[in-house]
Amino acid sequence: MPVTRAPATTEPPLPASAAAPPPPAAPPRLPLWPLAAMFGLVPLWWVAGAFYLGWPLLGAVLFTLLATRGRVPLPPAVGIWLLFLALVAASATRLASPTSLPTFVLRLAFYLTALVVAVYVYTVARERPDQAAVLVPLCAFWFGLVALGWLGVLVPRLELTTPVEALLPPGVSGVPFISDMVHLTTAEYSARSLNPIYRPAAPYAYTNNYGSAYAMTLPCVVAYTMLRRRGLLRWALLASLPVSLVPAFLTLNRAMFLSLGVGLAVLGVRAALRGNTRVAASIGGMVVLGGLASLFIPVAELIGNRVESSDTNTDRLSLYAEVLRRVGDSPWLGYGAPMEVDTVTADAPIGTQGQLWMVLFSHGVPALLCFLAWFVAAALICARATSAAGQWLSVVPVICLVQVPFYGMANQNLAVAFFAVAFALALAERERRTPPVGMPRPTAVMRA
């Protein structure tokens, strides 16, 4: 009787030529040194006069590394910012004269650089096991901010011609806007006043930018000390906090105090709702430091004296009213750039004295809505963070939203904010993937 074989239960092996292709190689890891050069060497860029004009070039280095790497993840809500950039570019058609084009291009470059920084930081923070290392360039930026702030306190009248200023043609370096960016000064004060008030500004041209950067960077410094429980850098940062209060307080920036106060209030409410005693204790420590500093620096009295001796409030209100009056004539794309007029009391173009007013006047209502929507979306997404460090970082977009009506952000500070937000987004994302300590991991369910 013939013997038959049972059918094979497994397929015969495929020939080597038909084997499945190997998985694609992982893209190369992005280095941290470009971020360290950009944010950590700020005193060097300032002395060279390249802090403003060179900033987009440093952003171009980051973009080149991203482009050559390929397969770059984009942060959440990045589409809102891309739409904002498109509206800004379209508003160039509304420029009154070709002479406004260079400053328009520079502002657009700052907007683009901020996005590139966000994508780079987000990518690096998602890839590296040690996320605290990604914050080190921003901590180095903080040290430069504090050191140069103290320079403004100790030698407020210091000013020097920088190498970049010397290389520029006289017709370019003599333009007030360009001169402010390339001519080295340490503090703002009225040269005509018999008793001037010196307000630290370095490495910025304006002391308001210093106060804005201080308020944005402070939560990042505290977040690093939450991520790293030991190490020399952690103790250096903790020691720098009380030292930093002197130049910060002497800026007399009311919006800086307001934005930090709102940020700490939001953080305190979240900590109370979540029962996070570590965050609550850190907030208490910052409040105590600020209270002690106010005992030695009569900041309220100094601010009152400054307001009484200047027309800053009247000037701002006249600029804001003029923006609201003129925006109705060009609501969709604005006027492309701020504009010099004779109808206001302030010695400044309309569309300045606040990022909200600059975007509204220069680029239109839709652009302003996109600008604000990105920060609102970032604030809502970052608020999901559960760690102490993540909660501190989550108030950076809140601080920015408070500052928008008062401070301009078409400068390096936008990249500082995007750095912090991108890191917070990556941190919150990792926290969602990793269960808290003590919580069991979900077990896989086998299907029949």
Protein backbone atom coordinates (compact mmCIF):
# COMPACT_ATOMS: atom_id res chain seq x y z
CA MET A 1 0.00 0.00 0.00
CA PRO A 2 1.50 3.33 -1.01
CA VAL A 3 2.68 5.59 1.74
CA THR A 4 1.64 9.23 1.56
CA ARG A 5 3.31 12.07 3.47
CA ALA A 6 1.42 14.57 5.55
CA PRO A 7 1.37 18.04 4.08
CA ALA A 8 4.12 20.32 5.32
CA THR A 9 3.11 22.60 8.18
CA THR A 10 5.77 25.20 7.42
CA GLU A 11 6.77 26.88 4.24
CA PRO A 12 10.18 25.99 2.82
CA PRO A 13 12.84 28.62 3.51
CA LEU A 14 13.11 31.37 0.98
CA PRO A 15 16.29 31.68 -1.00
CA ALA A 16 18.79 34.23 0.20
CA SER A 17 17.96 36.50 -2.69
CA ALA A 18 14.28 36.70 -1.60
CA ALA A 19 14.97 37.40 2.08
CA ALA A 20 13.36 40.49 3.67
CA PRO A 21 15.48 43.64 3.35
CA PRO A 22 17.22 44.79 6.51
CA PRO A 23 15.53 47.62 8.41
CA PRO A 24 16.72 51.10 7.46
CA ALA A 25 19.61 52.40 9.48
CA ALA A 26 18.77 54.90 12.19
CA PRO A 27 19.56 58.50 11.22
CA PRO A 28 22.71 59.94 12.78
CA ARG A 29 22.32 61.57 16.16
CA LEU A 30 22.39 65.35 16.10
CA PRO A 31 25.27 66.92 18.07
CA LEU A 32 24.83 69.36 20.92
CA TRP A 33 27.80 71.56 20.08
CA PRO A 34 25.85 73.84 17.66
CA LEU A 35 23.40 74.68 20.44
CA ALA A 36 26.30 75.22 22.83
CA ALA A 37 27.97 77.58 20.33
CA MET A 38 24.76 79.48 19.69
CA PHE A 39 23.50 79.93 23.25
CA GLY A 40 26.59 79.28 25.35
CA LEU A 41 28.94 81.73 23.61
CA VAL A 42 26.66 84.76 23.80
CA PRO A 43 29.31 86.94 25.55
CA LEU A 44 31.68 86.25 22.64
CA TRP A 45 29.05 87.12 20.00
CA TRP A 46 28.21 90.26 21.96
CA VAL A 47 31.82 91.48 22.15
CA ALA A 48 32.21 90.83 18.42
CA GLY A 49 29.03 92.77 17.63
CA ALA A 50 27.53 89.67 16.00
CA PHE A 51 24.88 88.86 18.60
CA TYR A 52 22.07 90.20 16.40
CA LEU A 53 23.29 89.92 12.81
CA GLY A 54 25.04 86.59 13.43
CA TRP A 55 22.13 84.88 15.17
CA PRO A 56 20.34 83.80 11.96
CA LEU A 57 23.66 82.49 10.62
CA LEU A 58 23.97 80.24 13.67
CA GLY A 59 20.41 79.12 12.99
CA ALA A 60 21.47 78.29 9.42
CA VAL A 61 24.07 75.89 10.86
CA LEU A 62 21.33 74.07 12.76
CA PHE A 63 19.17 73.95 9.62
CA THR A 64 22.04 72.47 7.59
CA LEU A 65 22.53 69.69 10.14
CA LEU A 66 18.80 68.95 10.14
CA ALA A 67 18.64 68.91 6.33
CA THR A 68 21.61 66.55 5.96
CA ARG A 69 20.27 64.22 8.65
CA GLY A 70 16.83 63.64 7.14
CA ARG A 71 13.74 62.14 8.84
CA VAL A 72 13.29 64.93 11.36
CA PRO A 73 10.26 64.82 13.71
CA LEU A 74 8.31 68.04 13.96
CA PRO A 75 7.00 69.40 17.27
CA PRO A 76 3.23 69.52 17.83
CA ALA A 77 1.34 72.54 16.48
CA VAL A 78 4.22 73.45 14.16
CA GLY A 79 1.72 73.96 11.34
CA ILE A 80 0.39 77.06 13.11
CA TRP A 81 3.84 78.64 13.04
CA LEU A 82 4.36 77.70 9.38
CA LEU A 83 1.12 79.51 8.53
CA PHE A 84 2.35 82.51 10.50
CA LEU A 85 5.60 82.52 8.52
CA ALA A 86 3.67 82.39 5.25
CA LEU A 87 1.58 85.39 6.27
CA VAL A 88 4.69 87.32 7.32
CA ALA A 89 6.32 86.60 3.95
CA ALA A 90 3.16 87.69 2.11
CA SER A 91 3.10 90.97 4.03
CA ALA A 92 6.34 91.98 2.30
CA THR A 93 4.13 93.10 -0.59
CA ARG A 94 2.87 95.88 1.67
CA LEU A 95 6.26 97.47 2.38
CA ALA A 96 6.21 101.19 1.71
CA SER A 97 9.75 101.38 0.28
CA PRO A 98 12.67 99.09 -0.61
CA THR A 99 14.68 100.58 2.26
CA SER A 100 12.41 98.70 4.68
CA LEU A 101 13.34 95.34 3.14
CA PRO A 102 16.60 94.66 5.07
CA THR A 103 14.98 95.05 8.49
CA PHE A 104 11.98 93.01 7.28
CA VAL A 105 14.30 90.19 6.20
CA LEU A 106 16.09 90.30 9.55
CA ARG A 107 12.82 89.97 11.48
CA LEU A 108 11.71 87.11 9.25
CA ALA A 109 15.09 85.46 9.83
CA PHE A 110 14.52 85.61 13.59
CA TYR A 111 11.10 83.96 13.15
CA LEU A 112 12.62 81.22 10.99
CA THR A 113 15.56 80.73 13.35
CA ALA A 114 13.20 80.18 16.28
CA LEU A 115 11.44 77.40 14.37
CA VAL A 116 14.74 75.76 13.42
CA VAL A 117 15.87 75.87 17.06
CA ALA A 118 12.59 74.27 18.15
CA VAL A 119 12.86 71.41 15.64
CA TYR A 120 16.52 70.81 16.52
CA VAL A 121 15.94 70.79 20.29
CA TYR A 122 12.82 68.64 19.97
CA THR A 123 14.72 66.08 17.89
CA VAL A 124 17.73 65.99 20.20
CA ALA A 125 15.61 65.77 23.37
CA ARG A 126 13.61 62.83 21.98
CA GLU A 127 16.73 60.88 21.04
CA ARG A 128 19.01 61.33 24.03
CA PRO A 129 18.54 59.24 27.18
CA ASP A 130 20.01 62.05 29.29
CA GLN A 131 17.59 64.85 28.56
CA ALA A 132 19.12 67.17 31.15
CA ALA A 133 22.20 67.49 28.94
CA VAL A 134 20.07 69.16 26.27
CA LEU A 135 19.31 72.02 28.68
CA VAL A 136 23.00 72.75 29.32
CA PRO A 137 23.33 75.28 26.43
CA LEU A 138 20.39 77.23 27.85
CA CYS A 139 22.02 77.13 31.29
CA ALA A 140 25.20 78.53 29.74
CA PHE A 141 23.06 81.27 28.17
CA TRP A 142 21.77 82.05 31.67
CA PHE A 143 25.30 82.44 33.04
CA GLY A 144 26.15 84.84 30.20
CA LEU A 145 22.98 86.80 30.90
CA VAL A 146 23.83 87.15 34.59
CA ALA A 147 27.48 88.04 33.99
CA LEU A 148 26.73 90.69 31.36
CA GLY A 149 23.89 92.02 33.52
CA TRP A 150 26.37 92.60 36.32
CA LEU A 151 28.64 94.34 33.81
CA GLY A 152 25.76 96.75 33.20
CA VAL A 153 25.49 97.31 36.94
CA LEU A 154 29.20 97.92 37.54
CA VAL A 155 30.13 99.88 34.38
CA PRO A 156 26.83 101.20 33.00
CA ARG A 157 28.45 103.81 30.75
CA LEU A 158 30.73 101.36 28.95
CA GLU A 159 30.46 101.44 25.16
CA LEU A 160 32.82 100.15 22.48
CA THR A 161 33.04 99.90 18.71
CA THR A 162 32.77 96.22 17.78
CA PRO A 163 34.58 94.42 14.94
CA VAL A 164 31.30 93.92 13.04
CA GLU A 165 30.53 97.64 13.37
CA ALA A 166 33.98 98.52 12.00
CA LEU A 167 33.52 96.19 9.02
CA LEU A 168 30.13 97.57 8.02
CA PRO A 169 29.97 100.48 5.56
CA PRO A 170 29.35 103.82 7.33
CA GLY A 171 26.03 104.19 5.54
CA VAL A 172 24.85 100.91 7.08
CA SER A 173 26.35 101.14 10.56
CA GLY A 174 25.03 104.70 10.86
CA VAL A 175 21.40 103.60 10.59
CA PRO A 176 20.00 103.86 14.16
CA PHE A 177 18.40 100.41 14.06
CA ILE A 178 21.64 98.76 12.89
CA SER A 179 23.80 100.87 15.19
CA ASP A 180 21.82 99.68 18.22
CA MET A 181 22.56 96.08 17.25
CA VAL A 182 26.29 96.31 16.49
CA HIS A 183 27.50 99.09 18.84
CA LEU A 184 28.40 97.68 22.26
CA THR A 185 26.72 99.18 25.33
CA THR A 186 26.07 97.70 28.76
CA ALA A 187 23.07 99.68 30.03
CA GLU A 188 20.29 101.99 28.96
CA TYR A 189 20.13 105.51 30.41
CA SER A 190 19.27 109.04 29.41
CA ALA A 191 22.48 110.86 28.51
CA ARG A 192 20.69 114.22 28.87
CA SER A 193 19.57 113.54 32.43
CA LEU A 194 21.53 115.08 35.31
CA ASN A 195 20.68 112.05 37.46
CA PRO A 196 20.22 109.18 34.99
CA ILE A 197 18.75 105.81 35.92
CA TYR A 198 21.02 103.03 34.71
CA ARG A 199 19.20 99.89 33.60
CA PRO A 200 21.31 96.82 32.64
CA ALA A 201 20.81 95.72 29.04
CA ALA A 202 23.84 93.72 27.82
CA PRO A 203 23.98 91.57 25.75
CA TYR A 204 20.88 93.25 24.30
CA ALA A 205 20.51 96.70 22.86
CA TYR A 206 17.46 97.38 25.04
CA THR A 207 16.89 96.62 28.70
CA ASN A 208 13.35 95.35 28.03
CA ASN A 209 14.86 92.50 26.01
CA TYR A 210 17.09 91.65 28.97
CA GLY A 211 14.10 91.49 31.32
CA SER A 212 12.18 89.38 28.83
CA ALA A 213 15.03 86.89 28.48
CA TYR A 214 15.49 86.71 32.24
CA ALA A 215 11.85 85.80 32.83
CA MET A 216 11.93 83.15 30.08
CA THR A 217 15.19 81.52 31.18
CA LEU A 218 14.60 81.42 34.95
CA PRO A 219 12.11 78.48 34.77
CA CYS A 220 14.58 76.56 32.59
CA VAL A 221 17.32 76.95 35.20
CA VAL A 222 15.03 75.70 37.96
CA ALA A 223 13.93 72.82 35.70
CA TYR A 224 17.54 71.72 35.24
CA THR A 225 18.09 71.64 39.00
CA MET A 226 14.99 69.43 39.21
CA LEU A 227 16.31 67.03 36.58
CA ARG A 228 19.82 66.82 38.04
CA ARG A 229 19.97 66.15 41.77
CA ARG A 230 23.75 66.49 41.99
CA GLY A 231 26.70 67.85 40.06
CA LEU A 232 28.79 71.03 39.90
CA LEU A 233 26.57 72.69 37.30
CA ARG A 234 23.49 72.23 39.48
CA TRP A 235 25.12 73.92 42.48
CA ALA A 236 26.50 76.71 40.29
CA LEU A 237 23.00 77.39 38.97
CA LEU A 238 21.53 77.42 42.47
CA ALA A 239 24.23 79.88 43.58
CA SER A 240 23.56 82.09 40.56
CA LEU A 241 19.88 82.56 41.37
CA PRO A 242 20.29 85.11 44.19
CA VAL A 243 23.19 86.74 42.32
CA SER A 244 21.00 87.23 39.26
CA LEU A 245 18.38 89.22 41.14
CA VAL A 246 20.48 92.40 41.30
CA PRO A 247 20.73 93.10 37.54
CA ALA A 248 17.21 91.75 37.00
CA PHE A 249 15.68 94.05 39.60
CA LEU A 250 17.67 97.05 38.37
CA THR A 251 16.20 96.71 34.88
CA LEU A 252 12.99 98.10 36.47
CA ASN A 253 11.02 96.13 33.91
CA ARG A 254 7.43 96.05 35.08
CA ALA A 255 6.37 93.48 32.48
CA MET A 256 9.19 91.18 33.59
CA PHE A 257 7.84 91.19 37.15
CA LEU A 258 4.28 90.80 35.89
CA SER A 259 5.06 87.85 33.61
CA LEU A 260 7.07 86.07 36.30
CA GLY A 261 4.31 86.70 38.83
CA VAL A 262 1.65 85.26 36.52
CA GLY A 263 3.89 82.31 35.67
CA LEU A 264 4.53 81.50 39.33
CA ALA A 265 0.81 81.86 40.11
CA VAL A 266 -0.15 79.41 37.36
CA LEU A 267 2.57 77.04 38.50
CA GLY A 268 1.39 77.31 42.11
CA VAL A 269 -2.22 76.52 41.20
CA ARG A 270 -1.15 73.46 39.22
CA ALA A 271 1.09 72.28 42.05
CA ALA A 272 -1.77 72.65 44.54
CA LEU A 273 -4.22 70.76 42.33
CA ARG A 274 -1.73 67.93 41.75
CA GLY A 275 -0.39 67.87 45.28
CA ASN A 276 3.21 68.36 44.13
CA THR A 277 5.03 69.50 47.24
CA ARG A 278 8.39 69.68 45.48
CA VAL A 279 7.16 72.27 43.00
CA ALA A 280 5.38 74.19 45.77
CA ALA A 281 8.59 74.27 47.83
CA SER A 282 10.59 75.56 44.87
CA ILE A 283 8.05 78.33 44.29
CA GLY A 284 8.28 79.29 47.95
CA GLY A 285 12.06 79.42 47.69
CA MET A 286 11.91 81.79 44.70
CA VAL A 287 9.40 84.05 46.46
CA VAL A 288 11.62 84.22 49.56
CA LEU A 289 14.66 85.10 47.44
CA GLY A 290 12.73 87.86 45.70
CA GLY A 291 11.44 89.21 49.00
CA LEU A 292 14.93 89.32 50.51
CA ALA A 293 16.30 91.09 47.45
CA SER A 294 13.56 93.73 47.65
CA LEU A 295 14.77 94.57 51.18
CA PHE A 296 18.10 95.75 49.75
CA ILE A 297 16.91 97.04 46.36
CA PRO A 298 13.96 99.47 46.63
CA VAL A 299 12.65 98.38 43.25
CA ALA A 300 9.11 99.73 43.76
CA GLU A 301 10.47 103.19 44.61
CA LEU A 302 12.88 103.12 41.66
CA ILE A 303 10.11 102.14 39.26
CA GLY A 304 7.92 104.92 40.62
CA ASN A 305 10.69 107.48 40.17
CA ARG A 306 11.28 106.33 36.61
CA VAL A 307 7.63 106.51 35.66
CA GLU A 308 7.28 110.00 37.17
CA SER A 309 10.35 111.29 35.32
CA SER A 310 9.38 109.93 31.90
CA ASP A 311 6.43 109.76 29.53
CA THR A 312 6.74 106.04 28.91
CA ASN A 313 3.08 105.25 29.65
CA THR A 314 1.72 108.12 27.56
CA ASP A 315 4.05 107.28 24.68
CA ARG A 316 3.04 103.63 24.64
CA LEU A 317 -0.66 104.42 24.72
CA SER A 318 -0.34 106.87 21.83
CA LEU A 319 1.48 104.21 19.76
CA TYR A 320 -1.12 101.56 20.58
CA ALA A 321 -4.00 103.87 19.69
CA GLU A 322 -2.40 104.72 16.35
CA VAL A 323 -1.95 101.03 15.51
CA LEU A 324 -5.63 100.35 16.21
CA ARG A 325 -6.62 103.34 14.10
CA ARG A 326 -4.55 102.32 11.07
CA VAL A 327 -4.94 98.54 11.10
CA GLY A 328 -8.50 98.88 9.79
CA ASP A 329 -7.10 100.14 6.48
CA SER A 330 -4.96 97.00 6.00
CA PRO A 331 -6.24 94.24 8.29
CA TRP A 332 -5.17 91.18 6.30
CA LEU A 333 -1.46 91.76 5.63
CA GLY A 334 -0.68 94.90 7.63
CA TYR A 335 1.97 97.31 6.40
CA GLY A 336 4.98 94.99 6.26
CA ALA A 337 6.99 96.83 8.93
CA PRO A 338 6.72 99.52 11.63
CA MET A 339 6.32 103.04 10.31
CA GLU A 340 7.63 106.46 11.29
CA VAL A 341 4.80 109.00 11.68
CA ASP A 342 4.35 112.47 13.16
CA THR A 343 0.96 111.80 14.73
CA VAL A 344 2.20 110.28 18.01
CA THR A 345 4.04 111.74 20.98
CA ALA A 346 6.51 108.86 21.22
CA ASP A 347 9.94 109.03 19.63
CA ALA A 348 9.46 105.58 18.11
CA PRO A 349 7.76 104.08 15.05
CA ILE A 350 4.21 102.80 15.35
CA GLY A 351 4.14 99.01 15.43
CA THR A 352 6.84 98.83 18.12
CA GLN A 353 6.82 98.68 21.93
CA GLY A 354 5.34 95.19 22.00
CA GLN A 355 5.29 92.07 19.80
CA LEU A 356 1.49 92.06 19.68
CA TRP A 357 1.44 95.53 18.14
CA MET A 358 4.32 94.78 15.79
CA VAL A 359 2.65 91.69 14.35
CA LEU A 360 -0.76 93.35 14.17
CA PHE A 361 0.54 96.46 12.39
CA SER A 362 3.23 94.85 10.25
CA HIS A 363 1.58 91.57 9.22
CA GLY A 364 -2.16 91.83 9.91
CA VAL A 365 -4.86 90.27 12.05
CA PRO A 366 -4.53 86.66 10.74
CA ALA A 367 -0.80 86.66 11.46
CA LEU A 368 -1.41 87.90 15.01
CA LEU A 369 -4.00 85.16 15.59
CA CYS A 370 -1.49 82.53 14.41
CA PHE A 371 1.27 83.99 16.58
CA LEU A 372 -0.91 83.90 19.70
CA ALA A 373 -2.43 80.51 18.80
CA TRP A 374 0.99 78.86 18.72
CA PHE A 375 1.84 79.99 22.23
CA VAL A 376 -1.62 79.03 23.52
CA ALA A 377 -1.29 75.58 21.97
CA ALA A 378 2.21 75.21 23.42
CA ALA A 379 0.97 76.24 26.87
CA LEU A 380 -1.87 73.68 26.76
CA ILE A 381 0.33 70.82 25.54
CA CYS A 382 3.19 71.56 27.93
CA ALA A 383 0.71 71.70 30.84
CA ARG A 384 0.33 67.91 30.52
CA ALA A 385 3.81 67.44 32.01
CA THR A 386 3.76 65.61 35.34
CA SER A 387 7.36 65.93 36.53
CA ALA A 388 8.57 68.90 38.56
CA ALA A 389 10.92 69.96 35.75
CA GLY A 390 8.17 69.67 33.16
CA GLN A 391 5.79 71.79 35.23
CA TRP A 392 8.37 74.57 35.58
CA LEU A 393 9.04 74.53 31.84
CA SER A 394 5.33 74.57 31.07
CA VAL A 395 5.00 78.16 32.30
CA VAL A 396 7.45 79.54 29.70
CA PRO A 397 4.73 79.97 27.03
CA VAL A 398 2.49 81.52 29.70
CA ILE A 399 5.24 84.04 30.50
CA CYS A 400 5.60 84.80 26.78
CA LEU A 401 1.85 85.43 26.39
CA VAL A 402 1.96 87.95 29.24
CA GLN A 403 4.96 89.72 27.69
CA VAL A 404 3.56 89.92 24.15
CA PRO A 405 1.71 93.25 24.58
CA PHE A 406 4.76 94.94 26.13
CA TYR A 407 7.99 93.44 24.76
CA GLY A 408 9.22 92.82 21.25
CA MET A 409 10.19 89.23 20.44
CA ALA A 410 11.51 89.56 16.89
CA ASN A 411 14.97 88.90 18.28
CA GLN A 412 17.01 86.18 20.00
CA ASN A 413 14.44 85.80 22.78
CA LEU A 414 12.01 84.07 20.45
CA ALA A 415 14.62 81.32 19.95
CA VAL A 416 15.09 81.13 23.73
CA ALA A 417 11.34 80.62 24.18
CA PHE A 418 11.18 78.02 21.39
CA PHE A 419 14.16 76.17 22.91
CA ALA A 420 12.37 75.88 26.26
CA VAL A 421 9.01 74.97 24.73
CA ALA A 422 10.46 72.33 22.41
CA PHE A 423 12.30 70.71 25.30
CA ALA A 424 9.12 70.79 27.42
CA LEU A 425 7.15 69.15 24.58
CA ALA A 426 9.70 66.35 24.28
CA LEU A 427 9.80 65.88 28.05
CA ALA A 428 6.00 65.70 28.32
CA GLU A 429 5.93 63.21 25.45
CA ARG A 430 8.45 60.96 27.17
CA GLU A 431 6.53 61.16 30.43
CA ARG A 432 3.38 59.95 28.66
CA ARG A 433 5.25 56.95 27.28
CA THR A 434 6.89 56.05 30.61
CA PRO A 435 4.58 55.22 33.54
CA PRO A 436 5.36 56.91 36.87
CA VAL A 437 7.57 55.08 39.34
CA GLY A 438 5.57 52.47 41.24
CA MET A 439 2.89 52.09 38.57
CA PRO A 440 2.75 48.65 36.90
CA ARG A 441 3.44 48.56 33.19
CA PRO A 442 0.53 47.40 31.03
CA THR A 443 0.80 43.69 30.18
CA ALA A 444 0.36 42.46 26.66
CA VAL A 445 -2.86 40.56 25.90
CA MET A 446 -2.48 37.45 23.72
CA ARG A 447 -5.25 36.76 21.31
CA ALA A 448 -6.46 33.25 20.64
